[in-house]
PDB file of all heavy atoms in Angstrom:
ATOM      1  N   MET A   1       4.704 -42.269  -1.412  1.00  0.00           N
ATOM      2  CA  MET A   1       3.853 -41.162  -1.050  1.00  0.00           C
ATOM      3  C   MET A   1       4.145 -40.673   0.367  1.00  0.00           C
ATOM      4  O   MET A   1       4.240 -39.496   0.603  1.00  0.00           O
ATOM      5  CB  MET A   1       2.391 -41.613  -1.152  1.00  0.00           C
ATOM      6  CG  MET A   1       1.387 -40.604  -0.805  1.00  0.00           C
ATOM      7  SD  MET A   1       0.967 -39.719  -2.274  1.00  0.00           S
ATOM      8  CE  MET A   1      -0.217 -38.584  -1.689  1.00  0.00           C
ATOM      9  N   THR A   2       4.356 -41.613   1.270  1.00  0.00           N
ATOM     10  CA  THR A   2       4.666 -41.225   2.642  1.00  0.00           C
ATOM     11  C   THR A   2       6.020 -40.553   2.760  1.00  0.00           C
ATOM     12  O   THR A   2       6.170 -39.619   3.552  1.00  0.00           O
ATOM     13  CB  THR A   2       4.619 -42.480   3.555  1.00  0.00           C
ATOM     14  OG1 THR A   2       3.364 -43.138   3.349  1.00  0.00           O
ATOM     15  CG2 THR A   2       4.753 -42.109   5.013  1.00  0.00           C
ATOM     16  N   VAL A   3       6.973 -41.000   1.963  1.00  0.00           N
ATOM     17  CA  VAL A   3       8.310 -40.354   1.948  1.00  0.00           C
ATOM     18  C   VAL A   3       8.198 -38.936   1.448  1.00  0.00           C
ATOM     19  O   VAL A   3       8.801 -38.005   1.997  1.00  0.00           O
ATOM     20  CB  VAL A   3       9.295 -41.181   1.114  1.00  0.00           C
ATOM     21  CG1 VAL A   3      10.621 -40.447   0.980  1.00  0.00           C
ATOM     22  CG2 VAL A   3       9.506 -42.568   1.739  1.00  0.00           C
ATOM     23  N   ILE A   4       7.406 -38.717   0.385  1.00  0.00           N
ATOM     24  CA  ILE A   4       7.198 -37.369  -0.149  1.00  0.00           C
ATOM     25  C   ILE A   4       6.532 -36.499   0.917  1.00  0.00           C
ATOM     26  O   ILE A   4       6.895 -35.332   1.097  1.00  0.00           O
ATOM     27  CB  ILE A   4       6.356 -37.434  -1.430  1.00  0.00           C
ATOM     28  CG1 ILE A   4       7.130 -38.136  -2.533  1.00  0.00           C
ATOM     29  CG2 ILE A   4       5.947 -36.025  -1.865  1.00  0.00           C
ATOM     30  CD1 ILE A   4       6.319 -38.432  -3.750  1.00  0.00           C
ATOM     31  N   TRP A   5       5.534 -37.057   1.649  1.00  0.00           N
ATOM     32  CA  TRP A   5       4.882 -36.292   2.702  1.00  0.00           C
ATOM     33  C   TRP A   5       5.917 -35.883   3.765  1.00  0.00           C
ATOM     34  O   TRP A   5       5.900 -34.742   4.243  1.00  0.00           O
ATOM     35  CB  TRP A   5       3.771 -37.136   3.382  1.00  0.00           C
ATOM     36  CG  TRP A   5       3.184 -36.454   4.534  1.00  0.00           C
ATOM     37  CD1 TRP A   5       2.105 -35.621   4.495  1.00  0.00           C
ATOM     38  CD2 TRP A   5       3.656 -36.458   5.863  1.00  0.00           C
ATOM     39  NE1 TRP A   5       1.868 -35.141   5.763  1.00  0.00           N
ATOM     40  CE2 TRP A   5       2.797 -35.608   6.640  1.00  0.00           C
ATOM     41  CE3 TRP A   5       4.705 -37.078   6.540  1.00  0.00           C
ATOM     42  CZ2 TRP A   5       2.966 -35.412   7.990  1.00  0.00           C
ATOM     43  CZ3 TRP A   5       4.872 -36.847   7.907  1.00  0.00           C
ATOM     44  CH2 TRP A   5       4.010 -36.057   8.596  1.00  0.00           C
ATOM     45  N   PHE A   6       6.761 -36.811   4.142  1.00  0.00           N
ATOM     46  CA  PHE A   6       7.776 -36.524   5.185  1.00  0.00           C
ATOM     47  C   PHE A   6       8.693 -35.404   4.730  1.00  0.00           C
ATOM     48  O   PHE A   6       9.024 -34.540   5.510  1.00  0.00           O
ATOM     49  CB  PHE A   6       8.572 -37.760   5.532  1.00  0.00           C
ATOM     50  CG  PHE A   6       9.643 -37.527   6.572  1.00  0.00           C
ATOM     51  CD1 PHE A   6       9.279 -37.308   7.868  1.00  0.00           C
ATOM     52  CD2 PHE A   6      10.998 -37.485   6.201  1.00  0.00           C
ATOM     53  CE1 PHE A   6      10.275 -37.033   8.826  1.00  0.00           C
ATOM     54  CE2 PHE A   6      11.968 -37.223   7.137  1.00  0.00           C
ATOM     55  CZ  PHE A   6      11.599 -37.011   8.457  1.00  0.00           C
ATOM     56  N   ILE A   7       9.143 -35.425   3.489  1.00  0.00           N
ATOM     57  CA  ILE A   7      10.032 -34.385   2.977  1.00  0.00           C
ATOM     58  C   ILE A   7       9.328 -33.027   3.010  1.00  0.00           C
ATOM     59  O   ILE A   7       9.924 -32.045   3.437  1.00  0.00           O
ATOM     60  CB  ILE A   7      10.539 -34.734   1.575  1.00  0.00           C
ATOM     61  CG1 ILE A   7      11.456 -35.965   1.659  1.00  0.00           C
ATOM     62  CG2 ILE A   7      11.257 -33.589   0.909  1.00  0.00           C
ATOM     63  CD1 ILE A   7      11.806 -36.580   0.328  1.00  0.00           C
ATOM     64  N   VAL A   8       8.093 -32.998   2.580  1.00  0.00           N
ATOM     65  CA  VAL A   8       7.318 -31.729   2.581  1.00  0.00           C
ATOM     66  C   VAL A   8       7.132 -31.219   3.999  1.00  0.00           C
ATOM     67  O   VAL A   8       7.335 -30.045   4.297  1.00  0.00           O
ATOM     68  CB  VAL A   8       5.968 -31.898   1.868  1.00  0.00           C
ATOM     69  CG1 VAL A   8       5.070 -30.683   2.092  1.00  0.00           C
ATOM     70  CG2 VAL A   8       6.165 -32.165   0.383  1.00  0.00           C
ATOM     71  N   TRP A   9       6.790 -32.123   4.924  1.00  0.00           N
ATOM     72  CA  TRP A   9       6.565 -31.715   6.312  1.00  0.00           C
ATOM     73  C   TRP A   9       7.906 -31.229   6.936  1.00  0.00           C
ATOM     74  O   TRP A   9       7.918 -30.234   7.665  1.00  0.00           O
ATOM     75  CB  TRP A   9       6.032 -32.877   7.144  1.00  0.00           C
ATOM     76  CG  TRP A   9       5.956 -32.554   8.600  1.00  0.00           C
ATOM     77  CD1 TRP A   9       4.979 -31.801   9.207  1.00  0.00           C
ATOM     78  CD2 TRP A   9       6.857 -32.943   9.626  1.00  0.00           C
ATOM     79  NE1 TRP A   9       5.225 -31.702  10.559  1.00  0.00           N
ATOM     80  CE2 TRP A   9       6.373 -32.415  10.842  1.00  0.00           C
ATOM     81  CE3 TRP A   9       8.012 -33.704   9.629  1.00  0.00           C
ATOM     82  CZ2 TRP A   9       7.058 -32.603  12.059  1.00  0.00           C
ATOM     83  CZ3 TRP A   9       8.656 -33.875  10.839  1.00  0.00           C
ATOM     84  CH2 TRP A   9       8.161 -33.337  12.024  1.00  0.00           C
ATOM     85  N   LEU A  10       8.996 -31.907   6.628  1.00  0.00           N
ATOM     86  CA  LEU A  10      10.294 -31.529   7.172  1.00  0.00           C
ATOM     87  C   LEU A  10      10.705 -30.138   6.721  1.00  0.00           C
ATOM     88  O   LEU A  10      11.152 -29.303   7.515  1.00  0.00           O
ATOM     89  CB  LEU A  10      11.345 -32.565   6.771  1.00  0.00           C
ATOM     90  CG  LEU A  10      12.693 -32.492   7.496  1.00  0.00           C
ATOM     91  CD1 LEU A  10      12.504 -32.769   8.960  1.00  0.00           C
ATOM     92  CD2 LEU A  10      13.655 -33.496   6.894  1.00  0.00           C
ATOM     93  N   ILE A  11      10.491 -29.860   5.451  1.00  0.00           N
ATOM     94  CA  ILE A  11      10.787 -28.513   4.908  1.00  0.00           C
ATOM     95  C   ILE A  11       9.876 -27.480   5.556  1.00  0.00           C
ATOM     96  O   ILE A  11      10.343 -26.416   5.994  1.00  0.00           O
ATOM     97  CB  ILE A  11      10.689 -28.514   3.373  1.00  0.00           C
ATOM     98  CG1 ILE A  11      11.792 -29.348   2.774  1.00  0.00           C
ATOM     99  CG2 ILE A  11      10.751 -27.066   2.851  1.00  0.00           C
ATOM    100  CD1 ILE A  11      11.635 -29.609   1.308  1.00  0.00           C
ATOM    101  N   ALA A  12       8.585 -27.753   5.631  1.00  0.00           N
ATOM    102  CA  ALA A  12       7.645 -26.810   6.199  1.00  0.00           C
ATOM    103  C   ALA A  12       7.940 -26.581   7.675  1.00  0.00           C
ATOM    104  O   ALA A  12       7.788 -25.474   8.212  1.00  0.00           O
ATOM    105  CB  ALA A  12       6.213 -27.311   6.021  1.00  0.00           C
ATOM    106  N   ASN A  13       8.361 -27.598   8.398  1.00  0.00           N
ATOM    107  CA  ASN A  13       8.644 -27.500   9.796  1.00  0.00           C
ATOM    108  C   ASN A  13       9.907 -26.687  10.046  1.00  0.00           C
ATOM    109  O   ASN A  13       9.990 -25.955  11.032  1.00  0.00           O
ATOM    110  CB  ASN A  13       8.795 -28.904  10.416  1.00  0.00           C
ATOM    111  CG  ASN A  13       8.709 -28.897  11.930  1.00  0.00           C
ATOM    112  OD1 ASN A  13       8.028 -28.076  12.514  1.00  0.00           O
ATOM    113  ND2 ASN A  13       9.434 -29.778  12.517  1.00  0.00           N
ATOM    114  N   ASN A  14      10.890 -26.807   9.208  1.00  0.00           N
ATOM    115  CA  ASN A  14      12.149 -26.051   9.368  1.00  0.00           C
ATOM    116  C   ASN A  14      12.092 -24.658   8.807  1.00  0.00           C
ATOM    117  O   ASN A  14      12.744 -23.760   9.354  1.00  0.00           O
ATOM    118  CB  ASN A  14      13.305 -26.828   8.742  1.00  0.00           C
ATOM    119  CG  ASN A  14      13.664 -28.049   9.550  1.00  0.00           C
ATOM    120  OD1 ASN A  14      13.520 -28.089  10.739  1.00  0.00           O
ATOM    121  ND2 ASN A  14      14.044 -29.086   8.836  1.00  0.00           N
ATOM    122  N   VAL A  15      11.340 -24.403   7.753  1.00  0.00           N
ATOM    123  CA  VAL A  15      11.271 -23.100   7.140  1.00  0.00           C
ATOM    124  C   VAL A  15      10.257 -22.229   7.864  1.00  0.00           C
ATOM    125  O   VAL A  15      10.514 -21.066   8.172  1.00  0.00           O
ATOM    126  CB  VAL A  15      10.930 -23.200   5.651  1.00  0.00           C
ATOM    127  CG1 VAL A  15      10.673 -21.848   5.044  1.00  0.00           C
ATOM    128  CG2 VAL A  15      12.054 -23.905   4.897  1.00  0.00           C
ATOM    129  N   GLY A  16       9.098 -22.774   8.116  1.00  0.00           N
ATOM    130  CA  GLY A  16       8.012 -22.015   8.777  1.00  0.00           C
ATOM    131  C   GLY A  16       8.081 -22.175  10.289  1.00  0.00           C
ATOM    132  O   GLY A  16       9.132 -22.415  10.863  1.00  0.00           O
ATOM    133  N   THR A  17       6.929 -22.108  10.897  1.00  0.00           N
ATOM    134  CA  THR A  17       6.839 -22.301  12.319  1.00  0.00           C
ATOM    135  C   THR A  17       6.847 -23.792  12.628  1.00  0.00           C
ATOM    136  O   THR A  17       6.602 -24.630  11.799  1.00  0.00           O
ATOM    137  CB  THR A  17       5.516 -21.686  12.863  1.00  0.00           C
ATOM    138  OG1 THR A  17       4.421 -22.335  12.242  1.00  0.00           O
ATOM    139  CG2 THR A  17       5.493 -20.218  12.614  1.00  0.00           C
ATOM    140  N   HIS A  18       7.144 -24.107  13.859  1.00  0.00           N
ATOM    141  CA  HIS A  18       7.176 -25.528  14.301  1.00  0.00           C
ATOM    142  C   HIS A  18       5.794 -26.107  14.265  1.00  0.00           C
ATOM    143  O   HIS A  18       4.846 -25.565  14.832  1.00  0.00           O
ATOM    144  CB  HIS A  18       7.749 -25.600  15.738  1.00  0.00           C
ATOM    145  CG  HIS A  18       7.832 -26.993  16.249  1.00  0.00           C
ATOM    146  ND1 HIS A  18       8.680 -27.930  15.737  1.00  0.00           N
ATOM    147  CD2 HIS A  18       7.160 -27.628  17.256  1.00  0.00           C
ATOM    148  CE1 HIS A  18       8.563 -29.038  16.385  1.00  0.00           C
ATOM    149  NE2 HIS A  18       7.598 -28.893  17.291  1.00  0.00           N
ATOM    150  N   GLU A  19       5.652 -27.213  13.529  1.00  0.00           N
ATOM    151  CA  GLU A  19       4.345 -27.865  13.352  1.00  0.00           C
ATOM    152  C   GLU A  19       4.413 -29.259  13.903  1.00  0.00           C
ATOM    153  O   GLU A  19       4.819 -30.207  13.232  1.00  0.00           O
ATOM    154  CB  GLU A  19       3.939 -27.917  11.886  1.00  0.00           C
ATOM    155  CG  GLU A  19       3.713 -26.573  11.242  1.00  0.00           C
ATOM    156  CD  GLU A  19       2.405 -25.975  11.701  1.00  0.00           C
ATOM    157  OE1 GLU A  19       1.547 -26.692  12.201  1.00  0.00           O
ATOM    158  OE2 GLU A  19       2.265 -24.763  11.584  1.00  0.00           O
ATOM    159  N   PRO A  20       4.007 -29.480  15.166  1.00  0.00           N
ATOM    160  CA  PRO A  20       4.031 -30.809  15.724  1.00  0.00           C
ATOM    161  C   PRO A  20       2.935 -31.699  15.163  1.00  0.00           C
ATOM    162  O   PRO A  20       1.941 -31.215  14.645  1.00  0.00           O
ATOM    163  CB  PRO A  20       3.827 -30.594  17.227  1.00  0.00           C
ATOM    164  CG  PRO A  20       3.011 -29.344  17.259  1.00  0.00           C
ATOM    165  CD  PRO A  20       3.497 -28.482  16.106  1.00  0.00           C
ATOM    166  N   LEU A  21       3.150 -33.000  15.206  1.00  0.00           N
ATOM    167  CA  LEU A  21       2.120 -33.930  14.800  1.00  0.00           C
ATOM    168  C   LEU A  21       1.254 -34.278  15.975  1.00  0.00           C
ATOM    169  O   LEU A  21       1.677 -34.891  16.941  1.00  0.00           O
ATOM    170  CB  LEU A  21       2.762 -35.206  14.235  1.00  0.00           C
ATOM    171  CG  LEU A  21       3.626 -35.041  13.017  1.00  0.00           C
ATOM    172  CD1 LEU A  21       4.306 -36.364  12.645  1.00  0.00           C
ATOM    173  CD2 LEU A  21       2.835 -34.496  11.868  1.00  0.00           C
ATOM    174  N   LEU A  22       0.013 -33.809  15.940  1.00  0.00           N
ATOM    175  CA  LEU A  22      -0.911 -34.023  17.042  1.00  0.00           C
ATOM    176  C   LEU A  22      -1.963 -35.057  16.669  1.00  0.00           C
ATOM    177  O   LEU A  22      -2.554 -34.992  15.601  1.00  0.00           O
ATOM    178  CB  LEU A  22      -1.599 -32.724  17.414  1.00  0.00           C
ATOM    179  CG  LEU A  22      -0.657 -31.549  17.856  1.00  0.00           C
ATOM    180  CD1 LEU A  22      -1.478 -30.278  18.061  1.00  0.00           C
ATOM    181  CD2 LEU A  22       0.078 -31.922  19.070  1.00  0.00           C
ATOM    182  N   PHE A  23      -2.189 -36.015  17.549  1.00  0.00           N
ATOM    183  CA  PHE A  23      -3.195 -37.070  17.306  1.00  0.00           C
ATOM    184  C   PHE A  23      -4.444 -36.880  18.093  1.00  0.00           C
ATOM    185  O   PHE A  23      -5.447 -37.526  17.851  1.00  0.00           O
ATOM    186  CB  PHE A  23      -2.595 -38.434  17.588  1.00  0.00           C
ATOM    187  CG  PHE A  23      -1.570 -38.840  16.574  1.00  0.00           C
ATOM    188  CD1 PHE A  23      -0.209 -38.627  16.771  1.00  0.00           C
ATOM    189  CD2 PHE A  23      -1.985 -39.427  15.377  1.00  0.00           C
ATOM    190  CE1 PHE A  23       0.717 -39.021  15.811  1.00  0.00           C
ATOM    191  CE2 PHE A  23      -1.039 -39.817  14.430  1.00  0.00           C
ATOM    192  CZ  PHE A  23       0.324 -39.600  14.645  1.00  0.00           C
ATOM    193  N   ASP A  24      -4.444 -35.981  19.108  1.00  0.00           N
ATOM    194  CA  ASP A  24      -5.646 -35.729  19.884  1.00  0.00           C
ATOM    195  C   ASP A  24      -5.774 -34.247  20.181  1.00  0.00           C
ATOM    196  O   ASP A  24      -5.180 -33.797  21.158  1.00  0.00           O
ATOM    197  CB  ASP A  24      -5.607 -36.529  21.157  1.00  0.00           C
ATOM    198  CG  ASP A  24      -6.896 -36.468  21.923  1.00  0.00           C
ATOM    199  OD1 ASP A  24      -7.955 -36.242  21.295  1.00  0.00           O
ATOM    200  OD2 ASP A  24      -6.849 -36.609  23.164  1.00  0.00           O
ATOM    201  N   PRO A  25      -6.441 -33.444  19.462  1.00  0.00           N
ATOM    202  CA  PRO A  25      -7.175 -33.710  18.205  1.00  0.00           C
ATOM    203  C   PRO A  25      -6.200 -33.778  17.027  1.00  0.00           C
ATOM    204  O   PRO A  25      -5.123 -33.209  17.077  1.00  0.00           O
ATOM    205  CB  PRO A  25      -8.106 -32.542  18.093  1.00  0.00           C
ATOM    206  CG  PRO A  25      -7.369 -31.398  18.717  1.00  0.00           C
ATOM    207  CD  PRO A  25      -6.593 -32.055  19.843  1.00  0.00           C
ATOM    208  N   VAL A  26      -6.629 -34.392  15.946  1.00  0.00           N
ATOM    209  CA  VAL A  26      -5.793 -34.548  14.765  1.00  0.00           C
ATOM    210  C   VAL A  26      -5.665 -33.181  14.064  1.00  0.00           C
ATOM    211  O   VAL A  26      -6.683 -32.522  13.808  1.00  0.00           O
ATOM    212  CB  VAL A  26      -6.419 -35.599  13.796  1.00  0.00           C
ATOM    213  CG1 VAL A  26      -5.634 -35.661  12.519  1.00  0.00           C
ATOM    214  CG2 VAL A  26      -6.471 -36.955  14.472  1.00  0.00           C
ATOM    215  N   ASN A  27      -4.445 -32.780  13.812  1.00  0.00           N
ATOM    216  CA  ASN A  27      -4.265 -31.541  13.059  1.00  0.00           C
ATOM    217  C   ASN A  27      -4.085 -31.842  11.579  1.00  0.00           C
ATOM    218  O   ASN A  27      -4.128 -32.980  11.151  1.00  0.00           O
ATOM    219  CB  ASN A  27      -3.079 -30.714  13.615  1.00  0.00           C
ATOM    220  CG  ASN A  27      -1.748 -31.384  13.450  1.00  0.00           C
ATOM    221  OD1 ASN A  27      -1.660 -32.495  12.955  1.00  0.00           O
ATOM    222  ND2 ASN A  27      -0.695 -30.735  13.893  1.00  0.00           N
ATOM    223  N   VAL A  28      -3.901 -30.802  10.766  1.00  0.00           N
ATOM    224  CA  VAL A  28      -3.829 -30.984   9.326  1.00  0.00           C
ATOM    225  C   VAL A  28      -2.675 -31.876   8.917  1.00  0.00           C
ATOM    226  O   VAL A  28      -2.824 -32.731   8.021  1.00  0.00           O
ATOM    227  CB  VAL A  28      -3.740 -29.586   8.607  1.00  0.00           C
ATOM    228  CG1 VAL A  28      -3.530 -29.726   7.137  1.00  0.00           C
ATOM    229  CG2 VAL A  28      -4.985 -28.800   8.906  1.00  0.00           C
ATOM    230  N   TRP A  29      -1.518 -31.673   9.495  1.00  0.00           N
ATOM    231  CA  TRP A  29      -0.353 -32.487   9.122  1.00  0.00           C
ATOM    232  C   TRP A  29      -0.567 -33.963   9.456  1.00  0.00           C
ATOM    233  O   TRP A  29      -0.220 -34.830   8.674  1.00  0.00           O
ATOM    234  CB  TRP A  29       0.901 -31.973   9.831  1.00  0.00           C
ATOM    235  CG  TRP A  29       1.419 -30.720   9.230  1.00  0.00           C
ATOM    236  CD1 TRP A  29       1.341 -29.458   9.758  1.00  0.00           C
ATOM    237  CD2 TRP A  29       2.028 -30.570   7.938  1.00  0.00           C
ATOM    238  NE1 TRP A  29       1.868 -28.555   8.880  1.00  0.00           N
ATOM    239  CE2 TRP A  29       2.292 -29.205   7.748  1.00  0.00           C
ATOM    240  CE3 TRP A  29       2.374 -31.452   6.938  1.00  0.00           C
ATOM    241  CZ2 TRP A  29       2.923 -28.704   6.596  1.00  0.00           C
ATOM    242  CZ3 TRP A  29       2.969 -30.970   5.778  1.00  0.00           C
ATOM    243  CH2 TRP A  29       3.249 -29.606   5.638  1.00  0.00           C
ATOM    244  N   THR A  30      -1.160 -34.257  10.589  1.00  0.00           N
ATOM    245  CA  THR A  30      -1.403 -35.652  10.947  1.00  0.00           C
ATOM    246  C   THR A  30      -2.467 -36.234  10.053  1.00  0.00           C
ATOM    247  O   THR A  30      -2.353 -37.402   9.627  1.00  0.00           O
ATOM    248  CB  THR A  30      -1.843 -35.743  12.408  1.00  0.00           C
ATOM    249  OG1 THR A  30      -0.856 -35.080  13.198  1.00  0.00           O
ATOM    250  CG2 THR A  30      -1.965 -37.167  12.857  1.00  0.00           C
ATOM    251  N   ALA A  31      -3.467 -35.476   9.686  1.00  0.00           N
ATOM    252  CA  ALA A  31      -4.534 -35.971   8.772  1.00  0.00           C
ATOM    253  C   ALA A  31      -3.936 -36.285   7.422  1.00  0.00           C
ATOM    254  O   ALA A  31      -4.303 -37.318   6.811  1.00  0.00           O
ATOM    255  CB  ALA A  31      -5.643 -34.938   8.655  1.00  0.00           C
ATOM    256  N   THR A  32      -3.041 -35.427   6.897  1.00  0.00           N
ATOM    257  CA  THR A  32      -2.447 -35.738   5.601  1.00  0.00           C
ATOM    258  C   THR A  32      -1.493 -36.934   5.687  1.00  0.00           C
ATOM    259  O   THR A  32      -1.352 -37.680   4.732  1.00  0.00           O
ATOM    260  CB  THR A  32      -1.702 -34.520   5.041  1.00  0.00           C
ATOM    261  OG1 THR A  32      -0.752 -34.037   5.990  1.00  0.00           O
ATOM    262  CG2 THR A  32      -2.665 -33.409   4.675  1.00  0.00           C
TER     263      THR A  32
END
C-alpha cells in the first residue's frame, strides 16, 4: 500500500504542481 501511495504521489508531484510532504501542519499527502 505504501509503495502504491509513493507511485501515485511521484506521478502527481511530477505532472502537477510541486507537492511537498509537510508534517507541521499535516497536509493531505502526508495524511494519506
